[in-house]
Amino acid sequence: MMGLITLESELSGAMLGPALIKGLDKVIHFLIFGVLGWLMARGFSNSSKAYVRRNFSWLIILVAFSFAVLDEVHQSMIPGRSPDVWDWIADVSGIVIFMFWYKKRYPVKN
């Protein structure tokens, strides 16, 4: 998922076209990074390492939040793209909500 997000970030602003609905990009950020949070929760909560299973929420916050920051920094280097704190907020909101949704749906077995 991180690879797909990085590939999409490589697209220039001209290739993405104009935003059809104001704020739709934030919804897309929320959903894409939400899927990332869900997949990370699934992977970390099923780890063979007890430490990872017990602390998977903090690991996701560390790794995924850092990746979201790096994604915004990466976009600053792409013509026609720019970093946006609101995109980052949508990213981390998606990560956290989907992660907690996963935790509620599939409680971790220690």
N, C-alpha and C. Protein backbone atom coordinates (compact mmCIF):
# COMPACT_ATOMS: atom_id res chain seq x y z
N MET A 1 0.83 -1.19 0.00
CA MET A 1 0.00 0.00 0.00
C MET A 1 0.88 1.26 0.00
N MET A 2 1.96 1.20 0.79
CA MET A 2 2.86 2.36 0.82
C MET A 2 3.47 2.60 -0.56
N GLY A 3 3.78 1.53 -1.27
CA GLY A 3 4.32 1.66 -2.62
C GLY A 3 3.32 2.31 -3.56
N LEU A 4 2.06 1.93 -3.48
CA LEU A 4 1.04 2.53 -4.33
C LEU A 4 0.85 4.01 -4.01
N ILE A 5 0.87 4.34 -2.73
CA ILE A 5 0.74 5.74 -2.34
C ILE A 5 1.92 6.55 -2.88
N THR A 6 3.12 5.99 -2.78
CA THR A 6 4.31 6.69 -3.28
C THR A 6 4.23 6.87 -4.79
N LEU A 7 3.79 5.84 -5.51
CA LEU A 7 3.65 5.96 -6.97
C LEU A 7 2.64 7.04 -7.34
N GLU A 8 1.52 7.09 -6.63
CA GLU A 8 0.52 8.12 -6.90
C GLU A 8 1.08 9.51 -6.61
N SER A 9 1.91 9.62 -5.59
CA SER A 9 2.51 10.91 -5.24
C SER A 9 3.48 11.40 -6.31
N GLU A 10 3.96 10.48 -7.14
CA GLU A 10 4.89 10.83 -8.22
C GLU A 10 4.19 11.56 -9.36
N LEU A 11 2.86 11.44 -9.45
CA LEU A 11 2.13 12.08 -10.53
C LEU A 11 2.15 13.59 -10.35
N SER A 12 2.39 14.29 -11.44
CA SER A 12 2.40 15.75 -11.36
C SER A 12 0.98 16.27 -11.22
N GLY A 13 0.87 17.48 -10.79
CA GLY A 13 -0.43 18.11 -10.64
C GLY A 13 -1.20 18.14 -11.95
N ALA A 14 -0.50 18.32 -13.07
CA ALA A 14 -1.14 18.36 -14.38
C ALA A 14 -1.75 17.00 -14.74
N MET A 15 -1.10 15.92 -14.33
CA MET A 15 -1.59 14.58 -14.64
C MET A 15 -2.84 14.24 -13.83
N LEU A 16 -2.97 14.82 -12.66
CA LEU A 16 -4.11 14.53 -11.80
C LEU A 16 -5.37 15.26 -12.23
N GLY A 17 -5.20 16.38 -12.91
CA GLY A 17 -6.36 17.15 -13.36
C GLY A 17 -6.92 18.02 -12.24
N PRO A 18 -7.92 18.83 -12.60
CA PRO A 18 -8.51 19.72 -11.59
C PRO A 18 -9.41 18.95 -10.62
N ALA A 19 -9.52 19.47 -9.43
CA ALA A 19 -10.41 18.87 -8.43
C ALA A 19 -11.85 19.17 -8.85
N LEU A 20 -12.67 18.13 -8.95
CA LEU A 20 -14.05 18.32 -9.37
C LEU A 20 -14.91 18.85 -8.23
N ILE A 21 -14.69 18.35 -7.05
CA ILE A 21 -15.47 18.77 -5.89
C ILE A 21 -14.49 19.23 -4.82
N LYS A 22 -14.70 20.44 -4.31
CA LYS A 22 -13.80 20.97 -3.29
C LYS A 22 -13.82 20.05 -2.06
N GLY A 23 -12.64 19.67 -1.60
CA GLY A 23 -12.51 18.83 -0.43
C GLY A 23 -12.52 17.33 -0.73
N LEU A 24 -12.82 16.95 -1.96
CA LEU A 24 -12.84 15.52 -2.30
C LEU A 24 -11.48 14.88 -2.11
N ASP A 25 -10.41 15.65 -2.35
CA ASP A 25 -9.06 15.09 -2.18
C ASP A 25 -8.82 14.69 -0.72
N LYS A 26 -9.42 15.41 0.22
CA LYS A 26 -9.25 15.07 1.64
C LYS A 26 -9.94 13.75 1.96
N VAL A 27 -11.10 13.53 1.36
CA VAL A 27 -11.82 12.27 1.55
C VAL A 27 -10.99 11.12 0.98
N ILE A 28 -10.40 11.34 -0.17
CA ILE A 28 -9.56 10.32 -0.80
C ILE A 28 -8.34 10.03 0.07
N HIS A 29 -7.70 11.07 0.60
CA HIS A 29 -6.56 10.87 1.51
C HIS A 29 -7.01 10.04 2.72
N PHE A 30 -8.14 10.41 3.31
CA PHE A 30 -8.66 9.70 4.47
C PHE A 30 -8.86 8.21 4.17
N LEU A 31 -9.48 7.91 3.04
CA LEU A 31 -9.77 6.51 2.70
C LEU A 31 -8.51 5.71 2.36
N ILE A 32 -7.62 6.30 1.57
CA ILE A 32 -6.40 5.57 1.18
C ILE A 32 -5.53 5.29 2.39
N PHE A 33 -5.31 6.29 3.22
CA PHE A 33 -4.49 6.07 4.41
C PHE A 33 -5.24 5.25 5.45
N GLY A 34 -6.56 5.29 5.42
CA GLY A 34 -7.34 4.41 6.28
C GLY A 34 -7.10 2.95 5.93
N VAL A 35 -7.08 2.66 4.65
CA VAL A 35 -6.77 1.29 4.21
C VAL A 35 -5.37 0.90 4.68
N LEU A 36 -4.43 1.82 4.57
CA LEU A 36 -3.08 1.56 5.06
C LEU A 36 -3.11 1.23 6.56
N GLY A 37 -3.84 2.02 7.35
CA GLY A 37 -3.95 1.76 8.79
C GLY A 37 -4.57 0.41 9.07
N TRP A 38 -5.60 0.04 8.32
CA TRP A 38 -6.27 -1.26 8.48
C TRP A 38 -5.30 -2.40 8.18
N LEU A 39 -4.58 -2.27 7.05
CA LEU A 39 -3.64 -3.33 6.67
C LEU A 39 -2.49 -3.46 7.67
N MET A 40 -2.00 -2.33 8.17
CA MET A 40 -0.94 -2.38 9.17
C MET A 40 -1.46 -3.01 10.47
N ALA A 41 -2.68 -2.65 10.86
CA ALA A 41 -3.27 -3.24 12.07
C ALA A 41 -3.41 -4.75 11.90
N ARG A 42 -3.84 -5.16 10.75
CA ARG A 42 -3.99 -6.61 10.50
C ARG A 42 -2.64 -7.31 10.56
N GLY A 43 -1.64 -6.71 9.93
CA GLY A 43 -0.32 -7.33 9.93
C GLY A 43 0.33 -7.35 11.30
N PHE A 44 0.34 -6.21 11.97
CA PHE A 44 1.01 -6.13 13.27
C PHE A 44 0.28 -6.93 14.34
N SER A 45 -1.05 -6.93 14.30
CA SER A 45 -1.80 -7.65 15.35
C SER A 45 -1.69 -9.17 15.20
N ASN A 46 -1.29 -9.62 14.04
CA ASN A 46 -1.11 -11.05 13.80
C ASN A 46 0.36 -11.45 13.76
N SER A 47 1.22 -10.58 14.25
CA SER A 47 2.65 -10.85 14.27
C SER A 47 2.97 -12.03 15.18
N SER A 48 4.04 -12.73 14.86
CA SER A 48 4.49 -13.82 15.73
C SER A 48 5.20 -13.29 16.97
N LYS A 49 5.52 -12.02 16.98
CA LYS A 49 6.19 -11.38 18.12
C LYS A 49 5.15 -10.79 19.08
N ALA A 50 5.15 -11.25 20.32
CA ALA A 50 4.19 -10.77 21.32
C ALA A 50 4.32 -9.26 21.54
N TYR A 51 5.55 -8.73 21.53
CA TYR A 51 5.77 -7.30 21.73
C TYR A 51 5.04 -6.49 20.64
N VAL A 52 5.13 -6.96 19.42
CA VAL A 52 4.49 -6.25 18.30
C VAL A 52 2.97 -6.32 18.46
N ARG A 53 2.43 -7.49 18.79
CA ARG A 53 0.98 -7.63 18.98
C ARG A 53 0.47 -6.72 20.09
N ARG A 54 1.20 -6.65 21.21
CA ARG A 54 0.77 -5.82 22.35
C ARG A 54 0.83 -4.33 22.04
N ASN A 55 1.77 -3.94 21.23
CA ASN A 55 2.03 -2.51 20.99
C ASN A 55 1.75 -2.08 19.55
N PHE A 56 0.92 -2.84 18.85
CA PHE A 56 0.77 -2.54 17.42
C PHE A 56 0.17 -1.17 17.15
N SER A 57 -0.68 -0.65 18.02
CA SER A 57 -1.24 0.68 17.80
C SER A 57 -0.16 1.75 17.79
N TRP A 58 0.76 1.67 18.76
CA TRP A 58 1.85 2.66 18.82
C TRP A 58 2.81 2.49 17.65
N LEU A 59 3.02 1.27 17.22
CA LEU A 59 3.90 1.04 16.06
C LEU A 59 3.28 1.62 14.80
N ILE A 60 1.97 1.45 14.66
CA ILE A 60 1.29 2.02 13.49
C ILE A 60 1.38 3.53 13.53
N ILE A 61 1.13 4.11 14.69
CA ILE A 61 1.21 5.57 14.80
C ILE A 61 2.61 6.06 14.43
N LEU A 62 3.62 5.40 14.92
CA LEU A 62 5.00 5.78 14.61
C LEU A 62 5.30 5.65 13.12
N VAL A 63 5.03 4.49 12.57
CA VAL A 63 5.39 4.22 11.17
C VAL A 63 4.49 4.96 10.19
N ALA A 64 3.18 4.82 10.35
CA ALA A 64 2.25 5.40 9.38
C ALA A 64 2.23 6.93 9.43
N PHE A 65 2.27 7.51 10.63
CA PHE A 65 2.31 8.97 10.71
C PHE A 65 3.58 9.51 10.07
N SER A 66 4.70 8.83 10.30
CA SER A 66 5.97 9.25 9.68
C SER A 66 5.89 9.13 8.17
N PHE A 67 5.30 8.04 7.69
CA PHE A 67 5.14 7.87 6.25
C PHE A 67 4.27 8.97 5.66
N ALA A 68 3.20 9.35 6.36
CA ALA A 68 2.32 10.42 5.88
C ALA A 68 3.08 11.74 5.78
N VAL A 69 3.93 12.04 6.75
CA VAL A 69 4.75 13.25 6.69
C VAL A 69 5.70 13.19 5.50
N LEU A 70 6.37 12.04 5.35
CA LEU A 70 7.30 11.89 4.23
C LEU A 70 6.59 11.98 2.88
N ASP A 71 5.36 11.50 2.81
CA ASP A 71 4.59 11.61 1.57
C ASP A 71 4.34 13.07 1.23
N GLU A 72 4.00 13.87 2.22
CA GLU A 72 3.78 15.30 1.96
C GLU A 72 5.09 16.00 1.57
N VAL A 73 6.18 15.66 2.22
CA VAL A 73 7.49 16.23 1.85
C VAL A 73 7.84 15.82 0.42
N HIS A 74 7.61 14.55 0.09
CA HIS A 74 7.88 14.04 -1.25
C HIS A 74 7.09 14.83 -2.30
N GLN A 75 5.84 15.13 -2.00
CA GLN A 75 5.02 15.89 -2.95
C GLN A 75 5.57 17.28 -3.21
N SER A 76 6.29 17.84 -2.25
CA SER A 76 6.87 19.18 -2.45
C SER A 76 7.94 19.17 -3.54
N MET A 77 8.44 17.99 -3.88
CA MET A 77 9.48 17.88 -4.89
C MET A 77 8.92 17.54 -6.28
N ILE A 78 7.62 17.38 -6.40
CA ILE A 78 6.97 17.01 -7.65
C ILE A 78 6.35 18.26 -8.27
N PRO A 79 6.66 18.53 -9.56
CA PRO A 79 6.08 19.72 -10.21
C PRO A 79 4.54 19.70 -10.15
N GLY A 80 3.97 20.82 -9.76
CA GLY A 80 2.52 20.94 -9.70
C GLY A 80 1.90 20.39 -8.43
N ARG A 81 2.72 19.86 -7.53
CA ARG A 81 2.21 19.33 -6.26
C ARG A 81 2.80 20.15 -5.13
N SER A 82 2.13 20.14 -4.00
CA SER A 82 2.65 20.86 -2.84
C SER A 82 2.18 20.15 -1.57
N PRO A 83 2.98 20.27 -0.51
CA PRO A 83 2.56 19.66 0.76
C PRO A 83 1.40 20.46 1.34
N ASP A 84 0.55 19.76 2.08
CA ASP A 84 -0.62 20.40 2.67
C ASP A 84 -0.88 19.78 4.04
N VAL A 85 -0.88 20.60 5.06
CA VAL A 85 -1.10 20.10 6.42
C VAL A 85 -2.49 19.45 6.54
N TRP A 86 -3.47 19.95 5.78
CA TRP A 86 -4.82 19.37 5.83
C TRP A 86 -4.84 17.97 5.21
N ASP A 87 -4.01 17.75 4.20
CA ASP A 87 -3.88 16.39 3.64
C ASP A 87 -3.31 15.46 4.72
N TRP A 88 -2.30 15.95 5.44
CA TRP A 88 -1.69 15.13 6.49
C TRP A 88 -2.71 14.82 7.59
N ILE A 89 -3.51 15.80 7.95
CA ILE A 89 -4.54 15.58 8.96
C ILE A 89 -5.55 14.53 8.47
N ALA A 90 -5.93 14.60 7.20
CA ALA A 90 -6.83 13.59 6.64
C ALA A 90 -6.17 12.22 6.65
N ASP A 91 -4.86 12.18 6.33
CA ASP A 91 -4.11 10.93 6.34
C ASP A 91 -4.13 10.28 7.72
N VAL A 92 -3.72 11.03 8.74
CA VAL A 92 -3.61 10.46 10.08
C VAL A 92 -4.99 10.14 10.66
N SER A 93 -6.00 10.93 10.28
CA SER A 93 -7.37 10.62 10.73
C SER A 93 -7.81 9.27 10.17
N GLY A 94 -7.55 9.04 8.90
CA GLY A 94 -7.89 7.76 8.30
C GLY A 94 -7.15 6.61 8.95
N ILE A 95 -5.86 6.80 9.19
CA ILE A 95 -5.04 5.76 9.83
C ILE A 95 -5.63 5.40 11.19
N VAL A 96 -5.88 6.40 12.01
CA VAL A 96 -6.35 6.16 13.39
C VAL A 96 -7.75 5.54 13.40
N ILE A 97 -8.66 6.08 12.64
CA ILE A 97 -10.03 5.57 12.66
C ILE A 97 -10.10 4.14 12.14
N PHE A 98 -9.42 3.85 11.04
CA PHE A 98 -9.44 2.50 10.51
C PHE A 98 -8.71 1.52 11.42
N MET A 99 -7.64 1.99 12.06
CA MET A 99 -6.92 1.13 13.00
C MET A 99 -7.82 0.76 14.17
N PHE A 100 -8.51 1.75 14.76
CA PHE A 100 -9.41 1.46 15.87
C PHE A 100 -10.61 0.62 15.44
N TRP A 101 -11.06 0.84 14.22
CA TRP A 101 -12.14 0.03 13.68
C TRP A 101 -11.68 -1.44 13.61
N TYR A 102 -10.46 -1.65 13.14
CA TYR A 102 -9.91 -3.01 13.08
C TYR A 102 -9.81 -3.60 14.49
N LYS A 103 -9.30 -2.82 15.44
CA LYS A 103 -9.15 -3.31 16.82
C LYS A 103 -10.49 -3.71 17.43
N LYS A 104 -11.53 -2.94 17.13
CA LYS A 104 -12.86 -3.26 17.66
C LYS A 104 -13.41 -4.51 16.98
N ARG A 105 -13.20 -4.62 15.71
CA ARG A 105 -13.74 -5.75 14.93
C ARG A 105 -12.99 -7.05 15.21
N TYR A 106 -11.68 -6.96 15.37
CA TYR A 106 -10.83 -8.13 15.57
C TYR A 106 -9.93 -7.92 16.80
N PRO A 107 -10.44 -8.17 17.98
CA PRO A 107 -9.61 -7.99 19.19
C PRO A 107 -8.33 -8.84 19.12
N VAL A 108 -7.25 -8.27 19.59
CA VAL A 108 -5.95 -8.94 19.55
C VAL A 108 -5.89 -10.04 20.60
N LYS A 109 -5.40 -11.18 20.17
CA LYS A 109 -5.20 -12.30 21.09
C LYS A 109 -3.73 -12.34 21.47
N ASN A 110 -3.43 -12.14 22.75
CA ASN A 110 -2.03 -12.15 23.18
C ASN A 110 -1.64 -13.53 23.43
